[in-house]
Amino acid sequence: MAEAEYTTTARLPIETIWAFVEDMDHWARFVTGYQSHEKKSQTESLWTLKGDVGVLQRRLVFQVEITEWSPGKRAGFRLKGVNEPMSGEGVFTLEPAGGGLPVPVAPPKAGAIQRFFEALVRGVLRLLGRAPRREPVQLAGGAGTQVSFRLRLDPGGPMAPMINAMIKPLMLPAAESLANQILAHLEAQPREGQQGAAR
């Protein structure tokens, strides 16, 4: 089992972030390895990703089912591999941010080798332009949103232990990249109040 959780803060209100993430067409392109997605219904979709793990390159197709939907708060989903024996789940959570800097979620203890590979993956994502740098924001008066993204993948089949070892270092950088790209995109957009003030 490989899992990661990433939490950050944004100056944006919850409503702005939710309005963007509630439609996967807006943010799907920010998922690491994204190739395409197809909506089957309000709760089901089919995602195609290109997985590069070491020397292995695989086209991965996942059936994604929304399992929890709390508008403005939380969206949970389950993954099932269509062409590979893999399953998983994840959750995206939005909460009002308190004043001050965010309290980072401590990831499970990783060994030196895993930390090295996580740093390497982050560097490669930045070089490819897939991981914009976002410094944690200091929020005054409790304004803003705490954004959390958690993902767990369980490889199956006879190669599961090897695949699990290979994807573990990729999980946290991929979660960071997704959250930070969504927020960087939204933070770059002019907001209604700012447009009026600029005129």
C-alpha atoms as a PDB file:
ATOM      1  CA  MET A   1       0.000   0.000   0.000  1.00  0.00           C
ATOM      2  CA  ALA A   2       1.321   3.450  -0.952  1.00  0.00           C
ATOM      3  CA  GLU A   3      -0.297   6.558   0.421  1.00  0.00           C
ATOM      4  CA  ALA A   4       0.257  10.257   0.843  1.00  0.00           C
ATOM      5  CA  GLU A   5      -1.512  13.221   2.376  1.00  0.00           C
ATOM      6  CA  TYR A   6      -0.759  16.835   1.610  1.00  0.00           C
ATOM      7  CA  THR A   7      -2.223  19.931   3.263  1.00  0.00           C
ATOM      8  CA  THR A   8      -1.684  23.568   2.338  1.00  0.00           C
ATOM      9  CA  THR A   9      -3.467  26.904   2.653  1.00  0.00           C
ATOM     10  CA  ALA A  10      -4.771  29.428   0.162  1.00  0.00           C
ATOM     11  CA  ARG A  11      -5.977  33.007   0.499  1.00  0.00           C
ATOM     12  CA  LEU A  12      -8.970  32.055  -1.622  1.00  0.00           C
ATOM     13  CA  PRO A  13     -12.411  31.454  -0.129  1.00  0.00           C
ATOM     14  CA  ILE A  14     -13.759  27.911  -0.017  1.00  0.00           C
ATOM     15  CA  GLU A  15     -16.479  28.773  -2.534  1.00  0.00           C
ATOM     16  CA  THR A  16     -13.926  29.794  -5.196  1.00  0.00           C
ATOM     17  CA  ILE A  17     -11.908  26.594  -4.817  1.00  0.00           C
ATOM     18  CA  TRP A  18     -14.979  24.341  -4.716  1.00  0.00           C
ATOM     19  CA  ALA A  19     -16.501  25.971  -7.811  1.00  0.00           C
ATOM     20  CA  PHE A  20     -13.346  24.967  -9.684  1.00  0.00           C
ATOM     21  CA  VAL A  21     -12.754  21.453  -8.326  1.00  0.00           C
ATOM     22  CA  GLU A  22     -16.361  20.286  -8.430  1.00  0.00           C
ATOM     23  CA  ASP A  23     -16.010  19.890 -12.208  1.00  0.00           C
ATOM     24  CA  MET A  24     -13.166  17.522 -13.110  1.00  0.00           C
ATOM     25  CA  ASP A  25     -12.899  19.076 -16.568  1.00  0.00           C
ATOM     26  CA  HIS A  26     -11.338  22.134 -14.905  1.00  0.00           C
ATOM     27  CA  TRP A  27      -8.459  20.400 -13.098  1.00  0.00           C
ATOM     28  CA  ALA A  28      -7.960  16.957 -14.666  1.00  0.00           C
ATOM     29  CA  ARG A  29      -4.993  18.170 -16.733  1.00  0.00           C
ATOM     30  CA  PHE A  30      -3.099  18.883 -13.485  1.00  0.00           C
ATOM     31  CA  VAL A  31      -2.980  15.188 -12.471  1.00  0.00           C
ATOM     32  CA  THR A  32       0.530  13.772 -12.911  1.00  0.00           C
ATOM     33  CA  GLY A  33       0.620  11.563 -16.016  1.00  0.00           C
ATOM     34  CA  TYR A  34      -2.807  12.740 -17.246  1.00  0.00           C
ATOM     35  CA  GLN A  35      -3.757  11.575 -20.735  1.00  0.00           C
ATOM     36  CA  SER A  36      -7.565  11.767 -20.802  1.00  0.00           C
ATOM     37  CA  HIS A  37     -10.782  11.242 -18.860  1.00  0.00           C
ATOM     38  CA  GLU A  38     -14.329  10.366 -19.804  1.00  0.00           C
ATOM     39  CA  LYS A  39     -17.413  10.980 -17.680  1.00  0.00           C
ATOM     40  CA  LYS A  40     -19.727   7.965 -17.582  1.00  0.00           C
ATOM     41  CA  SER A  41     -22.278   9.424 -15.146  1.00  0.00           C
ATOM     42  CA  GLN A  42     -22.477  11.982 -12.322  1.00  0.00           C
ATOM     43  CA  THR A  43     -20.503   9.630 -10.058  1.00  0.00           C
ATOM     44  CA  GLU A  44     -18.406   7.522 -12.438  1.00  0.00           C
ATOM     45  CA  SER A  45     -15.606   8.317 -14.855  1.00  0.00           C
ATOM     46  CA  LEU A  46     -12.763   6.603 -16.684  1.00  0.00           C
ATOM     47  CA  TRP A  47      -9.255   8.073 -16.398  1.00  0.00           C
ATOM     48  CA  THR A  48      -6.215   7.271 -18.519  1.00  0.00           C
ATOM     49  CA  LEU A  49      -2.799   8.101 -17.079  1.00  0.00           C
ATOM     50  CA  LYS A  50       0.704   7.468 -18.318  1.00  0.00           C
ATOM     51  CA  GLY A  51       2.730   5.922 -15.533  1.00  0.00           C
ATOM     52  CA  ASP A  52       6.494   6.318 -15.613  1.00  0.00           C
ATOM     53  CA  VAL A  53       8.048   4.343 -12.771  1.00  0.00           C
ATOM     54  CA  GLY A  54      11.755   3.874 -13.247  1.00  0.00           C
ATOM     55  CA  VAL A  55      12.271   2.021 -16.499  1.00  0.00           C
ATOM     56  CA  LEU A  56       8.630   0.943 -16.633  1.00  0.00           C
ATOM     57  CA  GLN A  57       6.209   2.968 -18.724  1.00  0.00           C
ATOM     58  CA  ARG A  58       2.601   1.884 -18.539  1.00  0.00           C
ATOM     59  CA  ARG A  59      -0.704   3.255 -19.712  1.00  0.00           C
ATOM     60  CA  LEU A  60      -2.993   2.992 -16.705  1.00  0.00           C
ATOM     61  CA  VAL A  61      -6.768   3.106 -16.962  1.00  0.00           C
ATOM     62  CA  PHE A  62      -8.769   3.665 -13.783  1.00  0.00           C
ATOM     63  CA  GLN A  63     -12.469   3.489 -13.126  1.00  0.00           C
ATOM     64  CA  VAL A  64     -13.176   6.296 -10.650  1.00  0.00           C
ATOM     65  CA  GLU A  65     -16.307   6.346  -8.532  1.00  0.00           C
ATOM     66  CA  ILE A  66     -17.341   9.278  -6.315  1.00  0.00           C
ATOM     67  CA  THR A  67     -18.182   7.775  -2.920  1.00  0.00           C
ATOM     68  CA  GLU A  68     -18.740  10.958  -0.919  1.00  0.00           C
ATOM     69  CA  TRP A  69     -19.903  14.396  -2.009  1.00  0.00           C
ATOM     70  CA  SER A  70     -20.322  17.200   0.525  1.00  0.00           C
ATOM     71  CA  PRO A  71     -20.476  20.428  -1.520  1.00  0.00           C
ATOM     72  CA  GLY A  72     -17.963  22.990  -0.373  1.00  0.00           C
ATOM     73  CA  LYS A  73     -16.377  20.562   2.094  1.00  0.00           C
ATOM     74  CA  ARG A  74     -15.326  17.147   0.905  1.00  0.00           C
ATOM     75  CA  ALA A  75     -15.221  14.784  -2.065  1.00  0.00           C
ATOM     76  CA  GLY A  76     -14.204  11.141  -1.670  1.00  0.00           C
ATOM     77  CA  PHE A  77     -13.534   8.661  -4.443  1.00  0.00           C
ATOM     78  CA  ARG A  78     -12.556   5.052  -5.085  1.00  0.00           C
ATOM     79  CA  LEU A  79     -10.211   3.851  -7.847  1.00  0.00           C
ATOM     80  CA  LYS A  80     -10.185   0.501  -9.612  1.00  0.00           C
ATOM     81  CA  GLY A  81      -7.628  -0.439 -12.244  1.00  0.00           C
ATOM     82  CA  VAL A  82      -9.153  -1.523 -15.548  1.00  0.00           C
ATOM     83  CA  ASN A  83      -5.996  -2.755 -17.272  1.00  0.00           C
ATOM     84  CA  GLU A  84      -3.802  -3.292 -14.184  1.00  0.00           C
ATOM     85  CA  PRO A  85      -4.550  -4.981 -10.836  1.00  0.00           C
ATOM     86  CA  MET A  86      -4.635  -1.814  -8.741  1.00  0.00           C
ATOM     87  CA  SER A  87      -7.179  -0.202  -6.437  1.00  0.00           C
ATOM     88  CA  GLY A  88      -7.249   2.783  -4.152  1.00  0.00           C
ATOM     89  CA  GLU A  89      -9.156   5.684  -2.713  1.00  0.00           C
ATOM     90  CA  GLY A  90      -8.752   9.340  -2.008  1.00  0.00           C
ATOM     91  CA  VAL A  91     -10.379  12.386  -0.489  1.00  0.00           C
ATOM     92  CA  PHE A  92     -10.200  16.103  -1.176  1.00  0.00           C
ATOM     93  CA  THR A  93     -11.121  18.311   1.807  1.00  0.00           C
ATOM     94  CA  LEU A  94     -11.667  22.059   2.176  1.00  0.00           C
ATOM     95  CA  GLU A  95     -11.915  23.776   5.571  1.00  0.00           C
ATOM     96  CA  PRO A  96     -11.783  27.384   6.763  1.00  0.00           C
ATOM     97  CA  ALA A  97      -8.185  28.188   7.649  1.00  0.00           C
ATOM     98  CA  GLY A  98      -7.350  29.574  11.052  1.00  0.00           C
ATOM     99  CA  GLY A  99      -5.026  32.542  11.437  1.00  0.00           C
ATOM    100  CA  GLY A 100      -1.294  32.031  11.095  1.00  0.00           C
ATOM    101  CA  LEU A 101       0.678  29.488   9.159  1.00  0.00           C
ATOM    102  CA  PRO A 102      -0.766  26.081   8.313  1.00  0.00           C
ATOM    103  CA  VAL A 103       0.054  23.111  10.473  1.00  0.00           C
ATOM    104  CA  PRO A 104       1.559  20.587   8.071  1.00  0.00           C
ATOM    105  CA  VAL A 105       0.269  17.049   8.158  1.00  0.00           C
ATOM    106  CA  ALA A 106       3.135  14.799   9.153  1.00  0.00           C
ATOM    107  CA  PRO A 107       3.576  12.090   6.530  1.00  0.00           C
ATOM    108  CA  PRO A 108       4.352   8.585   7.690  1.00  0.00           C
ATOM    109  CA  LYS A 109       8.028   8.194   8.585  1.00  0.00           C
ATOM    110  CA  ALA A 110       9.960   7.672   5.389  1.00  0.00           C
ATOM    111  CA  GLY A 111      13.439   6.265   5.147  1.00  0.00           C
ATOM    112  CA  ALA A 112      16.353   8.222   3.723  1.00  0.00           C
ATOM    113  CA  ILE A 113      16.069   6.498   0.339  1.00  0.00           C
ATOM    114  CA  GLN A 114      12.358   7.273   0.026  1.00  0.00           C
ATOM    115  CA  ARG A 115      12.941  10.923   1.027  1.00  0.00           C
ATOM    116  CA  PHE A 116      15.710  11.141  -1.583  1.00  0.00           C
ATOM    117  CA  PHE A 117      13.439   9.794  -4.334  1.00  0.00           C
ATOM    118  CA  GLU A 118      10.559  12.070  -3.262  1.00  0.00           C
ATOM    119  CA  ALA A 119      12.902  15.077  -3.543  1.00  0.00           C
ATOM    120  CA  LEU A 120      14.106  13.814  -6.927  1.00  0.00           C
ATOM    121  CA  VAL A 121      10.523  13.446  -8.217  1.00  0.00           C
ATOM    122  CA  ARG A 122       9.675  16.973  -6.979  1.00  0.00           C
ATOM    123  CA  GLY A 123      12.703  18.318  -8.852  1.00  0.00           C
ATOM    124  CA  VAL A 124      11.745  16.538 -12.064  1.00  0.00           C
ATOM    125  CA  LEU A 125       8.144  17.787 -11.792  1.00  0.00           C
ATOM    126  CA  ARG A 126       9.407  21.355 -11.346  1.00  0.00           C
ATOM    127  CA  LEU A 127      11.712  21.017 -14.366  1.00  0.00           C
ATOM    128  CA  LEU A 128       8.768  19.810 -16.418  1.00  0.00           C
ATOM    129  CA  GLY A 129       6.711  22.768 -15.241  1.00  0.00           C
ATOM    130  CA  ARG A 130       4.266  20.472 -13.439  1.00  0.00           C
ATOM    131  CA  ALA A 131       4.921  21.657  -9.887  1.00  0.00           C
ATOM    132  CA  PRO A 132       4.741  25.403  -9.384  1.00  0.00           C
ATOM    133  CA  ARG A 133       6.315  26.601  -6.177  1.00  0.00           C
ATOM    134  CA  ARG A 134       3.809  27.927  -3.698  1.00  0.00           C
ATOM    135  CA  GLU A 135       4.981  29.183  -0.365  1.00  0.00           C
ATOM    136  CA  PRO A 136       2.571  28.607   2.530  1.00  0.00           C
ATOM    137  CA  VAL A 137       0.561  31.781   2.967  1.00  0.00           C
ATOM    138  CA  GLN A 138       0.129  33.605   6.228  1.00  0.00           C
ATOM    139  CA  LEU A 139      -3.524  34.407   6.707  1.00  0.00           C
ATOM    140  CA  ALA A 140      -4.792  37.354   8.704  1.00  0.00           C
ATOM    141  CA  GLY A 141      -8.023  37.099  10.636  1.00  0.00           C
ATOM    142  CA  GLY A 142      -8.735  33.484   9.701  1.00  0.00           C
ATOM    143  CA  ALA A 143      -9.525  34.317   6.059  1.00  0.00           C
ATOM    144  CA  GLY A 144      -8.724  31.630   3.524  1.00  0.00           C
ATOM    145  CA  THR A 145      -8.962  27.901   3.067  1.00  0.00           C
ATOM    146  CA  GLN A 146      -7.052  24.844   4.204  1.00  0.00           C
ATOM    147  CA  VAL A 147      -6.848  22.354   1.343  1.00  0.00           C
ATOM    148  CA  SER A 148      -6.055  18.675   1.976  1.00  0.00           C
ATOM    149  CA  PHE A 149      -5.626  15.863  -0.517  1.00  0.00           C
ATOM    150  CA  ARG A 150      -5.134  12.226   0.518  1.00  0.00           C
ATOM    151  CA  LEU A 151      -4.524   9.317  -1.852  1.00  0.00           C
ATOM    152  CA  ARG A 152      -3.907   5.602  -1.299  1.00  0.00           C
ATOM    153  CA  LEU A 153      -3.022   3.026  -3.960  1.00  0.00           C
ATOM    154  CA  ASP A 154      -2.881  -0.747  -3.516  1.00  0.00           C
ATOM    155  CA  PRO A 155      -1.112  -2.606  -6.329  1.00  0.00           C
ATOM    156  CA  GLY A 156      -2.203  -6.199  -6.855  1.00  0.00           C
ATOM    157  CA  GLY A 157      -0.866  -9.259  -8.603  1.00  0.00           C
ATOM    158  CA  PRO A 158       2.503 -11.001  -8.340  1.00  0.00           C
ATOM    159  CA  MET A 159       4.442  -7.757  -8.987  1.00  0.00           C
ATOM    160  CA  ALA A 160       2.636  -5.854  -6.200  1.00  0.00           C
ATOM    161  CA  PRO A 161       5.583  -5.631  -3.748  1.00  0.00           C
ATOM    162  CA  MET A 162       7.921  -4.284  -6.426  1.00  0.00           C
ATOM    163  CA  ILE A 163       5.355  -1.835  -7.847  1.00  0.00           C
ATOM    164  CA  ASN A 164       4.452  -0.678  -4.345  1.00  0.00           C
ATOM    165  CA  ALA A 165       8.113   0.065  -3.571  1.00  0.00           C
ATOM    166  CA  MET A 166       8.459   1.984  -6.829  1.00  0.00           C
ATOM    167  CA  ILE A 167       5.335   4.163  -6.475  1.00  0.00           C
ATOM    168  CA  LYS A 168       5.709   5.077  -2.780  1.00  0.00           C
ATOM    169  CA  PRO A 169       8.234   7.872  -3.468  1.00  0.00           C
ATOM    170  CA  LEU A 170       5.961   9.271  -6.203  1.00  0.00           C
ATOM    171  CA  MET A 171       2.827   9.648  -4.098  1.00  0.00           C
ATOM    172  CA  LEU A 172       3.579  12.732  -1.980  1.00  0.00           C
ATOM    173  CA  PRO A 173       5.123  14.761  -4.843  1.00  0.00           C
ATOM    174  CA  ALA A 174       2.097  13.898  -7.025  1.00  0.00           C
ATOM    175  CA  ALA A 175      -0.346  15.016  -4.284  1.00  0.00           C
ATOM    176  CA  GLU A 176       1.644  18.231  -3.736  1.00  0.00           C
ATOM    177  CA  SER A 177       1.776  18.890  -7.466  1.00  0.00           C
ATOM    178  CA  LEU A 178      -1.975  18.459  -7.947  1.00  0.00           C
ATOM    179  CA  ALA A 179      -2.974  20.700  -5.021  1.00  0.00           C
ATOM    180  CA  ASN A 180      -0.392  23.370  -5.811  1.00  0.00           C
ATOM    181  CA  GLN A 181      -1.188  23.507  -9.525  1.00  0.00           C
ATOM    182  CA  ILE A 182      -4.902  23.919  -8.825  1.00  0.00           C
ATOM    183  CA  LEU A 183      -4.248  26.686  -6.278  1.00  0.00           C
ATOM    184  CA  ALA A 184      -1.602  28.420  -8.418  1.00  0.00           C
ATOM    185  CA  HIS A 185      -4.064  28.447 -11.331  1.00  0.00           C
ATOM    186  CA  LEU A 186      -6.842  29.910  -9.178  1.00  0.00           C
ATOM    187  CA  GLU A 187      -4.581  32.441  -7.459  1.00  0.00           C
ATOM    188  CA  ALA A 188      -3.459  33.713 -10.880  1.00  0.00           C
ATOM    189  CA  GLN A 189      -7.061  34.448 -11.905  1.00  0.00           C
ATOM    190  CA  PRO A 190      -8.388  37.956 -11.266  1.00  0.00           C
ATOM    191  CA  ARG A 191     -11.224  37.930  -8.768  1.00  0.00           C
ATOM    192  CA  GLU A 192     -14.364  40.027  -9.116  1.00  0.00           C
ATOM    193  CA  GLY A 193     -13.443  42.368  -6.257  1.00  0.00           C
ATOM    194  CA  GLN A 194      -9.965  42.905  -7.679  1.00  0.00           C
ATOM    195  CA  GLN A 195     -11.257  43.614 -11.189  1.00  0.00           C
ATOM    196  CA  GLY A 196     -13.519  46.378  -9.942  1.00  0.00           C
ATOM    197  CA  ALA A 197     -10.710  47.944  -7.873  1.00  0.00           C
ATOM    198  CA  ALA A 198      -8.336  47.890 -10.850  1.00  0.00           C
ATOM    199  CA  ARG A 199     -10.676  49.936 -13.072  1.00  0.00           C
END
